[in-house]
Structures are given as C-alpha cells and as structure tokens.
Amino acid sequence: MHVFSRTEIRDILVSLIVLVIVFSYPEILGNPLFFITSLLTVGLAFFGHELSHKFMARRYGFWSEYRMWTQGILLAVIFAIATNGSLIFAAPGAVYFASQFVFQTPRKRDIGIIGLSGPMFNIVLALILIGVWFVYPIGLIVYMIKINSWLALFNLIPFPPLDGSKIMAWNPKIWVLALIVPLIGFLFI
C-alpha cells in the first residue's frame, strides 16, 4: 500500500504553490526570490500540518488522503489580492479519512484528536521558533512564527469544515487551550 497516491501528491503540490503565493503576496511581485523563502517556510508549516492529520488518522487505523478544495484555493487568491496580502484564507484543502472496515466508525474523540493534530504541529513549531527568536532575532524567524500561528489560528476557527469545529465538538476545553497559544504567538509578532 502506498503512503501517497498520485492524486494526493498533485493536490498537495497545487495547494502548496497557491499557499506560497498567497503568503508571499505582494512581496513576491517586487522580489521573486522571496518565493523560495516562502516555499521553504510555508512548505514546512503546510506539510507538517497536513501530514500530522494524515498520520494521526492512519495511527487510528483509518484510510486518509489530502484533497485540494478548488473553491478554497480560489478564495485564498481572491482574499490575497483584495486585501493586498493582509488577510490570508488558508483552506486550500483537507485530509479526509474514513474507516477501512465496516465495523470501525470514527468516534467523536478520534475525529477531535485527528483535527487537533494539524494545529498542534503549527503551535509546537511556533513555540520552538519563539524560543529561537530570542537567540537569533531575525526577520525570517518572525515570518515563520507568523505563518505557523496564522495556520493554527485559522484552522481552529470552530466552523465546519475547519479543524476547530471537530475539536470543539469533541472537547471545548481543549479547543480553548489550543486557541490560546497561537493567539499569543500571533500577538507576539
């Protein structure tokens, strides 16, 4: 069994390219090399987030694959252009998972933990980066904190299909705790 299907690889790459452009807009217009910086930083945040969902779902025994959401990709581009890069709509797709067996149904707890795993990747990375920033206070670190904090914060919005709705349905207290850290990270920058 393959870990990634061809469709999944294509969807991840398209979503990544769009997110990189959106996060680097409008700076990318004046400095095309900024695309490479954004590719590395957004790539780490995006891949880590989505792979956390994928592998947590697999850990629970579910089939899981990333699928891009065409409307989400279009909204990301429209928001970036309309707000001159001030507001990022970061929902280009999602990891879908399902039972591989008729007798195995995802419980609310399973869905909540799988939903939490993506934002937790971004939260932990942002916390590590805040620590690094105190030693190496450079702009790239701040940029990475911003990206990871925003991805965690955006995905914790408690409206379907975002991760926050799954976490809130499972355990509202954990949702509140998860929300506090990216808020602090975002306010930090």
N, C-alpha and C. Protein backbone atom coordinates (compact mmCIF):
# COMPACT_ATOMS: atom_id res chain seq x y z
N MET A 1 0.84 -1.18 0.00
CA MET A 1 0.00 0.00 0.00
C MET A 1 0.89 1.25 0.00
N HIS A 2 0.59 2.17 -0.89
CA HIS A 2 1.35 3.41 -0.99
C HIS A 2 0.92 4.39 0.09
N VAL A 3 1.88 5.16 0.57
CA VAL A 3 1.57 6.17 1.57
C VAL A 3 0.84 7.34 0.91
N PHE A 4 1.24 7.69 -0.32
CA PHE A 4 0.63 8.81 -1.05
C PHE A 4 0.21 8.34 -2.43
N SER A 5 -1.01 8.71 -2.83
CA SER A 5 -1.45 8.41 -4.18
C SER A 5 -0.99 9.54 -5.11
N ARG A 6 -1.05 9.30 -6.40
CA ARG A 6 -0.68 10.34 -7.37
C ARG A 6 -1.60 11.55 -7.24
N THR A 7 -2.88 11.30 -7.06
CA THR A 7 -3.84 12.39 -6.90
C THR A 7 -3.49 13.22 -5.67
N GLU A 8 -3.16 12.55 -4.58
CA GLU A 8 -2.82 13.25 -3.35
C GLU A 8 -1.56 14.10 -3.53
N ILE A 9 -0.55 13.58 -4.18
CA ILE A 9 0.68 14.33 -4.42
C ILE A 9 0.38 15.56 -5.26
N ARG A 10 -0.40 15.39 -6.32
CA ARG A 10 -0.78 16.53 -7.16
C ARG A 10 -1.52 17.58 -6.34
N ASP A 11 -2.51 17.15 -5.55
CA ASP A 11 -3.31 18.09 -4.77
C ASP A 11 -2.47 18.83 -3.73
N ILE A 12 -1.52 18.13 -3.10
CA ILE A 12 -0.64 18.76 -2.13
C ILE A 12 0.23 19.81 -2.81
N LEU A 13 0.80 19.47 -3.96
CA LEU A 13 1.68 20.41 -4.66
C LEU A 13 0.93 21.65 -5.14
N VAL A 14 -0.26 21.47 -5.72
CA VAL A 14 -1.06 22.62 -6.16
C VAL A 14 -1.41 23.51 -4.97
N SER A 15 -1.87 22.90 -3.89
CA SER A 15 -2.23 23.66 -2.68
C SER A 15 -1.02 24.40 -2.13
N LEU A 16 0.13 23.73 -2.11
CA LEU A 16 1.35 24.35 -1.59
C LEU A 16 1.73 25.57 -2.42
N ILE A 17 1.73 25.44 -3.73
CA ILE A 17 2.11 26.56 -4.60
C ILE A 17 1.18 27.75 -4.36
N VAL A 18 -0.12 27.48 -4.27
CA VAL A 18 -1.08 28.56 -4.03
C VAL A 18 -0.83 29.20 -2.67
N LEU A 19 -0.64 28.41 -1.62
CA LEU A 19 -0.38 28.98 -0.30
C LEU A 19 0.91 29.80 -0.27
N VAL A 20 1.93 29.33 -0.96
CA VAL A 20 3.20 30.07 -1.01
C VAL A 20 2.98 31.42 -1.66
N ILE A 21 2.27 31.44 -2.77
CA ILE A 21 1.99 32.71 -3.46
C ILE A 21 1.16 33.62 -2.57
N VAL A 22 0.14 33.08 -1.93
CA VAL A 22 -0.75 33.87 -1.09
C VAL A 22 0.00 34.46 0.11
N PHE A 23 0.82 33.63 0.78
CA PHE A 23 1.56 34.13 1.94
C PHE A 23 2.66 35.11 1.55
N SER A 24 3.16 35.04 0.32
CA SER A 24 4.24 35.93 -0.08
C SER A 24 3.76 37.13 -0.90
N TYR A 25 2.47 37.22 -1.13
CA TYR A 25 1.90 38.34 -1.88
C TYR A 25 1.74 39.55 -0.96
N PRO A 26 2.07 40.75 -1.34
CA PRO A 26 2.57 41.22 -2.63
C PRO A 26 4.09 41.26 -2.73
N GLU A 27 4.82 40.86 -1.67
CA GLU A 27 6.28 40.92 -1.69
C GLU A 27 6.89 40.20 -2.87
N ILE A 28 6.24 39.11 -3.29
CA ILE A 28 6.77 38.30 -4.38
C ILE A 28 6.83 39.09 -5.69
N LEU A 29 5.97 40.10 -5.83
CA LEU A 29 5.96 40.89 -7.07
C LEU A 29 7.25 41.69 -7.23
N GLY A 30 7.77 42.22 -6.13
CA GLY A 30 9.00 43.01 -6.19
C GLY A 30 10.26 42.20 -5.98
N ASN A 31 10.11 40.99 -5.44
CA ASN A 31 11.27 40.16 -5.13
C ASN A 31 10.93 38.69 -5.39
N PRO A 32 11.09 38.24 -6.64
CA PRO A 32 10.74 36.85 -6.97
C PRO A 32 11.52 35.81 -6.15
N LEU A 33 12.69 36.17 -5.62
CA LEU A 33 13.45 35.23 -4.79
C LEU A 33 12.75 34.96 -3.47
N PHE A 34 11.86 35.87 -3.07
CA PHE A 34 11.09 35.67 -1.84
C PHE A 34 10.22 34.41 -1.96
N PHE A 35 9.91 34.01 -3.20
CA PHE A 35 9.14 32.79 -3.43
C PHE A 35 9.86 31.58 -2.82
N ILE A 36 11.19 31.52 -2.97
CA ILE A 36 11.96 30.39 -2.45
C ILE A 36 11.90 30.37 -0.92
N THR A 37 12.09 31.55 -0.30
CA THR A 37 11.99 31.64 1.16
C THR A 37 10.61 31.19 1.62
N SER A 38 9.59 31.68 0.93
CA SER A 38 8.22 31.32 1.29
C SER A 38 7.94 29.84 1.03
N LEU A 39 8.52 29.31 -0.03
CA LEU A 39 8.34 27.89 -0.33
C LEU A 39 8.85 27.03 0.82
N LEU A 40 10.01 27.37 1.35
CA LEU A 40 10.58 26.60 2.45
C LEU A 40 9.80 26.77 3.74
N THR A 41 9.44 28.01 4.06
CA THR A 41 8.78 28.27 5.35
C THR A 41 7.31 27.85 5.34
N VAL A 42 6.59 28.24 4.31
CA VAL A 42 5.18 27.84 4.20
C VAL A 42 5.11 26.33 3.96
N GLY A 43 6.06 25.81 3.18
CA GLY A 43 6.07 24.36 2.92
C GLY A 43 6.18 23.55 4.19
N LEU A 44 7.10 23.96 5.07
CA LEU A 44 7.25 23.25 6.34
C LEU A 44 5.96 23.31 7.16
N ALA A 45 5.37 24.51 7.27
CA ALA A 45 4.15 24.69 8.07
C ALA A 45 2.97 23.91 7.47
N PHE A 46 2.81 23.99 6.16
CA PHE A 46 1.69 23.33 5.48
C PHE A 46 1.84 21.81 5.50
N PHE A 47 3.02 21.32 5.06
CA PHE A 47 3.24 19.86 5.05
C PHE A 47 3.12 19.28 6.44
N GLY A 48 3.74 19.94 7.41
CA GLY A 48 3.67 19.44 8.78
C GLY A 48 2.25 19.36 9.29
N HIS A 49 1.46 20.39 9.00
CA HIS A 49 0.06 20.44 9.43
C HIS A 49 -0.73 19.28 8.81
N GLU A 50 -0.67 19.17 7.49
CA GLU A 50 -1.47 18.17 6.80
C GLU A 50 -0.98 16.74 7.05
N LEU A 51 0.33 16.57 7.12
CA LEU A 51 0.85 15.22 7.40
C LEU A 51 0.53 14.79 8.82
N SER A 52 0.45 15.74 9.75
CA SER A 52 0.04 15.40 11.12
C SER A 52 -1.37 14.82 11.12
N HIS A 53 -2.28 15.45 10.36
CA HIS A 53 -3.63 14.89 10.24
C HIS A 53 -3.58 13.49 9.62
N LYS A 54 -2.86 13.39 8.51
CA LYS A 54 -2.81 12.13 7.77
C LYS A 54 -2.28 10.98 8.63
N PHE A 55 -1.16 11.21 9.28
CA PHE A 55 -0.55 10.12 10.02
C PHE A 55 -1.25 9.84 11.35
N MET A 56 -1.90 10.83 11.92
CA MET A 56 -2.71 10.57 13.12
C MET A 56 -3.91 9.70 12.73
N ALA A 57 -4.54 10.02 11.62
CA ALA A 57 -5.67 9.21 11.15
C ALA A 57 -5.21 7.77 10.87
N ARG A 58 -4.07 7.64 10.25
CA ARG A 58 -3.55 6.30 9.97
C ARG A 58 -3.21 5.57 11.26
N ARG A 59 -2.73 6.31 12.24
CA ARG A 59 -2.42 5.70 13.55
C ARG A 59 -3.68 5.08 14.17
N TYR A 60 -4.81 5.74 13.94
CA TYR A 60 -6.08 5.21 14.44
C TYR A 60 -6.65 4.13 13.53
N GLY A 61 -5.95 3.81 12.45
CA GLY A 61 -6.38 2.73 11.57
C GLY A 61 -7.27 3.15 10.43
N PHE A 62 -7.35 4.46 10.16
CA PHE A 62 -8.21 4.95 9.09
C PHE A 62 -7.42 5.17 7.80
N TRP A 63 -8.11 5.02 6.68
CA TRP A 63 -7.57 5.45 5.40
C TRP A 63 -7.55 6.97 5.44
N SER A 64 -6.53 7.61 4.87
CA SER A 64 -6.50 9.08 4.86
C SER A 64 -5.73 9.58 3.65
N GLU A 65 -6.27 10.66 3.05
CA GLU A 65 -5.61 11.31 1.93
C GLU A 65 -5.96 12.78 1.91
N TYR A 66 -5.00 13.57 1.45
CA TYR A 66 -5.23 15.01 1.28
C TYR A 66 -5.93 15.23 -0.05
N ARG A 67 -6.90 16.13 -0.05
CA ARG A 67 -7.59 16.55 -1.27
C ARG A 67 -7.67 18.07 -1.28
N MET A 68 -7.34 18.65 -2.44
CA MET A 68 -7.47 20.10 -2.53
C MET A 68 -8.94 20.47 -2.69
N TRP A 69 -9.24 21.69 -2.29
CA TRP A 69 -10.59 22.24 -2.38
C TRP A 69 -10.50 23.42 -3.33
N THR A 70 -11.01 23.25 -4.55
CA THR A 70 -10.87 24.27 -5.59
C THR A 70 -11.43 25.61 -5.16
N GLN A 71 -12.59 25.61 -4.50
CA GLN A 71 -13.17 26.88 -4.04
C GLN A 71 -12.28 27.54 -2.98
N GLY A 72 -11.67 26.72 -2.13
CA GLY A 72 -10.77 27.25 -1.11
C GLY A 72 -9.53 27.88 -1.72
N ILE A 73 -9.03 27.27 -2.78
CA ILE A 73 -7.87 27.82 -3.49
C ILE A 73 -8.25 29.15 -4.13
N LEU A 74 -9.40 29.20 -4.78
CA LEU A 74 -9.85 30.46 -5.40
C LEU A 74 -10.07 31.54 -4.35
N LEU A 75 -10.69 31.19 -3.22
CA LEU A 75 -10.89 32.16 -2.14
C LEU A 75 -9.56 32.67 -1.59
N ALA A 76 -8.57 31.80 -1.48
CA ALA A 76 -7.25 32.21 -1.00
C ALA A 76 -6.65 33.27 -1.91
N VAL A 77 -6.73 33.05 -3.22
CA VAL A 77 -6.18 34.00 -4.19
C VAL A 77 -6.97 35.31 -4.16
N ILE A 78 -8.29 35.22 -4.14
CA ILE A 78 -9.14 36.42 -4.11
C ILE A 78 -8.87 37.24 -2.86
N PHE A 79 -8.82 36.59 -1.68
CA PHE A 79 -8.56 37.31 -0.42
C PHE A 79 -7.19 37.99 -0.46
N ALA A 80 -6.18 37.29 -0.97
CA ALA A 80 -4.83 37.85 -1.02
C ALA A 80 -4.79 39.10 -1.90
N ILE A 81 -5.41 39.03 -3.07
CA ILE A 81 -5.41 40.17 -3.99
C ILE A 81 -6.26 41.30 -3.44
N ALA A 82 -7.47 40.98 -2.96
CA ALA A 82 -8.40 42.01 -2.46
C ALA A 82 -7.87 42.74 -1.23
N THR A 83 -7.10 42.05 -0.40
CA THR A 83 -6.60 42.68 0.84
C THR A 83 -5.12 43.02 0.74
N ASN A 84 -4.56 42.91 -0.46
CA ASN A 84 -3.13 43.16 -0.68
C ASN A 84 -2.25 42.34 0.27
N GLY A 85 -2.65 41.11 0.50
CA GLY A 85 -1.88 40.20 1.33
C GLY A 85 -2.10 40.34 2.82
N SER A 86 -3.05 41.19 3.23
CA SER A 86 -3.27 41.42 4.66
C SER A 86 -4.06 40.30 5.32
N LEU A 87 -4.93 39.64 4.56
CA LEU A 87 -5.78 38.59 5.12
C LEU A 87 -5.60 37.32 4.30
N ILE A 88 -5.15 36.28 4.97
CA ILE A 88 -4.90 35.01 4.30
C ILE A 88 -6.03 34.04 4.60
N PHE A 89 -6.68 33.56 3.54
CA PHE A 89 -7.67 32.50 3.66
C PHE A 89 -6.93 31.20 3.40
N ALA A 90 -6.66 30.45 4.45
CA ALA A 90 -5.76 29.30 4.35
C ALA A 90 -6.50 27.98 4.41
N ALA A 91 -7.38 27.74 3.44
CA ALA A 91 -8.10 26.46 3.40
C ALA A 91 -8.09 25.91 1.97
N PRO A 92 -6.88 25.55 1.47
CA PRO A 92 -6.82 25.05 0.09
C PRO A 92 -7.24 23.59 -0.04
N GLY A 93 -7.45 22.91 1.08
CA GLY A 93 -7.84 21.51 1.05
C GLY A 93 -7.83 20.93 2.44
N ALA A 94 -7.97 19.62 2.49
CA ALA A 94 -8.02 18.95 3.80
C ALA A 94 -7.66 17.49 3.66
N VAL A 95 -7.28 16.90 4.78
CA VAL A 95 -7.06 15.46 4.82
C VAL A 95 -8.41 14.82 5.15
N TYR A 96 -8.84 13.94 4.29
CA TYR A 96 -10.07 13.19 4.51
C TYR A 96 -9.68 11.82 5.02
N PHE A 97 -10.49 11.29 5.90
CA PHE A 97 -10.21 9.95 6.42
C PHE A 97 -11.51 9.20 6.58
N ALA A 98 -11.38 7.89 6.53
CA ALA A 98 -12.56 7.03 6.65
C ALA A 98 -12.12 5.67 7.16
N SER A 99 -13.08 4.97 7.67
CA SER A 99 -12.81 3.63 8.17
C SER A 99 -12.46 2.70 7.02
N GLN A 100 -11.54 1.81 7.28
CA GLN A 100 -11.20 0.79 6.29
C GLN A 100 -12.05 -0.46 6.48
N PHE A 101 -12.81 -0.49 7.58
CA PHE A 101 -13.62 -1.66 7.91
C PHE A 101 -15.03 -1.21 8.27
N VAL A 102 -16.00 -2.03 7.96
CA VAL A 102 -17.40 -1.72 8.22
C VAL A 102 -17.64 -1.53 9.72
N PHE A 103 -16.99 -2.31 10.53
CA PHE A 103 -17.24 -2.27 11.98
C PHE A 103 -16.50 -1.14 12.69
N GLN A 104 -15.68 -0.39 11.98
CA GLN A 104 -14.88 0.67 12.61
C GLN A 104 -15.43 2.03 12.20
N THR A 105 -16.07 2.71 13.11
CA THR A 105 -16.60 4.04 12.86
C THR A 105 -15.81 5.04 13.68
N PRO A 106 -15.36 6.14 13.06
CA PRO A 106 -14.63 7.14 13.84
C PRO A 106 -15.51 7.71 14.95
N ARG A 107 -14.98 7.72 16.16
CA ARG A 107 -15.69 8.31 17.29
C ARG A 107 -15.41 9.81 17.33
N LYS A 108 -16.23 10.55 18.07
CA LYS A 108 -16.05 12.00 18.20
C LYS A 108 -14.64 12.32 18.71
N ARG A 109 -14.16 11.50 19.64
CA ARG A 109 -12.82 11.69 20.20
C ARG A 109 -11.75 11.51 19.12
N ASP A 110 -11.88 10.45 18.29
CA ASP A 110 -10.93 10.21 17.20
C ASP A 110 -10.89 11.40 16.25
N ILE A 111 -12.06 11.85 15.86
CA ILE A 111 -12.17 12.98 14.93
C ILE A 111 -11.56 14.24 15.54
N GLY A 112 -11.82 14.46 16.84
CA GLY A 112 -11.27 15.63 17.52
C GLY A 112 -9.75 15.59 17.61
N ILE A 113 -9.20 14.44 17.94
CA ILE A 113 -7.75 14.32 18.07
C ILE A 113 -7.08 14.44 16.70
N ILE A 114 -7.67 13.83 15.69
CA ILE A 114 -7.12 13.97 14.33
C ILE A 114 -7.19 15.44 13.90
N GLY A 115 -8.29 16.12 14.22
CA GLY A 115 -8.42 17.54 13.92
C GLY A 115 -7.40 18.39 14.66
N LEU A 116 -7.13 18.04 15.90
CA LEU A 116 -6.18 18.79 16.74
C LEU A 116 -4.74 18.61 16.28
N SER A 117 -4.42 17.48 15.69
CA SER A 117 -3.02 17.18 15.36
C SER A 117 -2.40 18.19 14.40
N GLY A 118 -3.15 18.70 13.43
CA GLY A 118 -2.60 19.68 12.48
C GLY A 118 -2.26 21.00 13.15
N PRO A 119 -3.22 21.64 13.83
CA PRO A 119 -2.89 22.88 14.53
C PRO A 119 -1.81 22.70 15.59
N MET A 120 -1.77 21.53 16.24
CA MET A 120 -0.74 21.30 17.25
C MET A 120 0.66 21.30 16.63
N PHE A 121 0.79 20.78 15.43
CA PHE A 121 2.08 20.85 14.76
C PHE A 121 2.51 22.30 14.63
N ASN A 122 1.58 23.15 14.13
CA ASN A 122 1.91 24.57 13.95
C ASN A 122 2.16 25.28 15.27
N ILE A 123 1.41 24.92 16.31
CA ILE A 123 1.58 25.54 17.62
C ILE A 123 2.95 25.19 18.20
N VAL A 124 3.30 23.92 18.15
CA VAL A 124 4.60 23.49 18.70
C VAL A 124 5.74 24.13 17.91
N LEU A 125 5.63 24.16 16.59
CA LEU A 125 6.68 24.78 15.78
C LEU A 125 6.78 26.28 16.08
N ALA A 126 5.63 26.96 16.24
CA ALA A 126 5.66 28.39 16.58
C ALA A 126 6.33 28.62 17.94
N LEU A 127 6.04 27.78 18.91
CA LEU A 127 6.66 27.92 20.24
C LEU A 127 8.18 27.71 20.16
N ILE A 128 8.60 26.72 19.40
CA ILE A 128 10.03 26.48 19.21
C ILE A 128 10.67 27.70 18.54
N LEU A 129 10.00 28.22 17.53
CA LEU A 129 10.53 29.38 16.80
C LEU A 129 10.58 30.63 17.67
N ILE A 130 9.63 30.80 18.57
CA ILE A 130 9.69 31.94 19.50
C ILE A 130 10.94 31.82 20.37
N GLY A 131 11.22 30.60 20.83
CA GLY A 131 12.45 30.38 21.60
C GLY A 131 13.69 30.67 20.77
N VAL A 132 13.70 30.24 19.51
CA VAL A 132 14.83 30.51 18.61
C VAL A 132 14.99 32.01 18.39
N TRP A 133 13.87 32.71 18.27
CA TRP A 133 13.92 34.15 18.02
C TRP A 133 14.65 34.90 19.14
N PHE A 134 14.52 34.43 20.38
CA PHE A 134 15.21 35.09 21.48
C PHE A 134 16.73 34.95 21.35
N VAL A 135 17.19 33.91 20.66
CA VAL A 135 18.62 33.71 20.44
C VAL A 135 19.06 34.36 19.13
N TYR A 136 18.24 34.20 18.08
CA TYR A 136 18.53 34.75 16.76
C TYR A 136 17.36 35.62 16.30
N PRO A 137 17.30 36.87 16.72
CA PRO A 137 16.15 37.72 16.38
C PRO A 137 16.21 38.24 14.93
N ILE A 138 15.93 37.34 13.99
CA ILE A 138 15.96 37.72 12.58
C ILE A 138 14.55 37.66 11.99
N GLY A 139 14.37 38.40 10.92
CA GLY A 139 13.05 38.50 10.28
C GLY A 139 12.48 37.19 9.80
N LEU A 140 13.34 36.29 9.33
CA LEU A 140 12.86 35.00 8.84
C LEU A 140 12.15 34.22 9.94
N ILE A 141 12.68 34.29 11.15
CA ILE A 141 12.06 33.57 12.28
C ILE A 141 10.69 34.17 12.57
N VAL A 142 10.59 35.50 12.54
CA VAL A 142 9.30 36.16 12.77
C VAL A 142 8.30 35.75 11.69
N TYR A 143 8.75 35.69 10.45
CA TYR A 143 7.91 35.26 9.33
C TYR A 143 7.38 33.84 9.57
N MET A 144 8.26 32.95 10.03
CA MET A 144 7.85 31.57 10.29
C MET A 144 6.88 31.49 11.48
N ILE A 145 7.10 32.31 12.49
CA ILE A 145 6.17 32.35 13.63
C ILE A 145 4.80 32.81 13.14
N LYS A 146 4.80 33.84 12.29
CA LYS A 146 3.55 34.39 11.75
C LYS A 146 2.79 33.32 10.96
N ILE A 147 3.49 32.62 10.08
CA ILE A 147 2.84 31.60 9.24
C ILE A 147 2.24 30.49 10.11
N ASN A 148 3.02 29.96 11.03
CA ASN A 148 2.54 28.85 11.86
C ASN A 148 1.43 29.28 12.80
N SER A 149 1.56 30.47 13.38
CA SER A 149 0.50 30.97 14.27
C SER A 149 -0.79 31.19 13.48
N TRP A 150 -0.66 31.76 12.27
CA TRP A 150 -1.86 32.02 11.47
C TRP A 150 -2.52 30.70 11.04
N LEU A 151 -1.73 29.73 10.58
CA LEU A 151 -2.33 28.45 10.17
C LEU A 151 -3.04 27.77 11.34
N ALA A 152 -2.43 27.81 12.52
CA ALA A 152 -3.08 27.21 13.69
C ALA A 152 -4.35 27.97 14.03
N LEU A 153 -4.25 29.29 14.10
CA LEU A 153 -5.38 30.13 14.47
C LEU A 153 -6.54 29.98 13.49
N PHE A 154 -6.22 30.06 12.20
CA PHE A 154 -7.26 29.95 11.17
C PHE A 154 -7.95 28.59 11.25
N ASN A 155 -7.15 27.53 11.38
CA ASN A 155 -7.73 26.19 11.41
C ASN A 155 -8.49 25.89 12.69
N LEU A 156 -8.27 26.69 13.74
CA LEU A 156 -9.00 26.50 14.99
C LEU A 156 -10.35 27.22 15.02
N ILE A 157 -10.67 27.94 13.95
CA ILE A 157 -12.00 28.56 13.87
C ILE A 157 -13.03 27.43 13.97
N PRO A 158 -14.01 27.58 14.89
CA PRO A 158 -14.91 26.44 15.15
C PRO A 158 -16.10 26.32 14.19
N PHE A 159 -15.84 26.47 12.90
CA PHE A 159 -16.89 26.31 11.90
C PHE A 159 -16.46 25.22 10.92
N PRO A 160 -17.40 24.31 10.57
CA PRO A 160 -17.08 23.26 9.61
C PRO A 160 -16.67 23.88 8.28
N PRO A 161 -15.75 23.33 7.57
CA PRO A 161 -15.07 22.06 7.79
C PRO A 161 -13.74 22.22 8.53
N LEU A 162 -13.49 23.37 9.14
CA LEU A 162 -12.19 23.61 9.77
C LEU A 162 -11.98 22.72 11.00
N ASP A 163 -10.71 22.55 11.36
CA ASP A 163 -10.33 21.67 12.48
C ASP A 163 -11.00 22.08 13.78
N GLY A 164 -11.15 23.38 13.99
CA GLY A 164 -11.74 23.87 15.23
C GLY A 164 -13.12 23.31 15.51
N SER A 165 -13.91 23.09 14.46
CA SER A 165 -15.26 22.55 14.66
C SER A 165 -15.20 21.12 15.18
N LYS A 166 -14.21 20.36 14.72
CA LYS A 166 -14.07 18.96 15.16
C LYS A 166 -13.58 18.90 16.60
N ILE A 167 -12.65 19.79 16.93
CA ILE A 167 -12.12 19.83 18.29
C ILE A 167 -13.20 20.31 19.26
N MET A 168 -13.92 21.35 18.87
CA MET A 168 -14.99 21.91 19.71
C MET A 168 -16.08 20.87 19.97
N ALA A 169 -16.45 20.10 18.95
CA ALA A 169 -17.47 19.07 19.12
C ALA A 169 -17.01 17.97 20.07
N TRP A 170 -15.71 17.71 20.08
CA TRP A 170 -15.15 16.67 20.95
C TRP A 170 -14.93 17.20 22.36
N ASN A 171 -14.22 18.34 22.51
CA ASN A 171 -13.88 18.83 23.84
C ASN A 171 -13.63 20.34 23.79
N PRO A 172 -14.63 21.15 24.14
CA PRO A 172 -14.48 22.62 24.09
C PRO A 172 -13.32 23.15 24.94
N LYS A 173 -13.01 22.50 26.06
CA LYS A 173 -11.90 22.96 26.91
C LYS A 173 -10.56 22.82 26.19
N ILE A 174 -10.38 21.73 25.50
CA ILE A 174 -9.14 21.53 24.73
C ILE A 174 -9.07 22.54 23.59
N TRP A 175 -10.21 22.84 22.97
CA TRP A 175 -10.24 23.84 21.91
C TRP A 175 -9.76 25.19 22.44
N VAL A 176 -10.26 25.60 23.62
CA VAL A 176 -9.86 26.88 24.21
C VAL A 176 -8.35 26.87 24.50
N LEU A 177 -7.86 25.80 25.10
CA LEU A 177 -6.42 25.70 25.39
C LEU A 177 -5.60 25.77 24.11
N ALA A 178 -6.04 25.08 23.08
CA ALA A 178 -5.31 25.09 21.80
C ALA A 178 -5.32 26.48 21.17
N LEU A 179 -6.37 27.23 21.38
CA LEU A 179 -6.51 28.56 20.79
C LEU A 179 -5.60 29.60 21.45
N ILE A 180 -5.33 29.44 22.73
CA ILE A 180 -4.56 30.43 23.49
C ILE A 180 -3.14 30.58 22.94
N VAL A 181 -2.47 29.50 22.66
CA VAL A 181 -1.05 29.56 22.24
C VAL A 181 -0.88 30.29 20.91
N PRO A 182 -1.64 29.94 19.84
CA PRO A 182 -1.42 30.70 18.58
C PRO A 182 -1.85 32.16 18.71
N LEU A 183 -2.81 32.44 19.56
CA LEU A 183 -3.18 33.84 19.79
C LEU A 183 -2.00 34.60 20.37
N ILE A 184 -1.34 34.01 21.35
CA ILE A 184 -0.16 34.64 21.95
C ILE A 184 0.94 34.77 20.90
N GLY A 185 1.15 33.72 20.13
CA GLY A 185 2.17 33.76 19.06
C GLY A 185 1.88 34.82 18.04
N PHE A 186 0.61 34.95 17.68
CA PHE A 186 0.23 35.95 16.68
C PHE A 186 0.38 37.36 17.26
N LEU A 187 0.00 37.54 18.52
CA LEU A 187 0.15 38.83 19.17
C LEU A 187 1.63 39.17 19.39
N PHE A 188 2.46 38.13 19.59
CA PHE A 188 3.89 38.29 19.79
C PHE A 188 4.52 39.02 18.60
N ILE A 189 4.07 38.67 17.40
CA ILE A 189 4.67 39.27 16.20
C ILE A 189 4.00 40.58 15.88
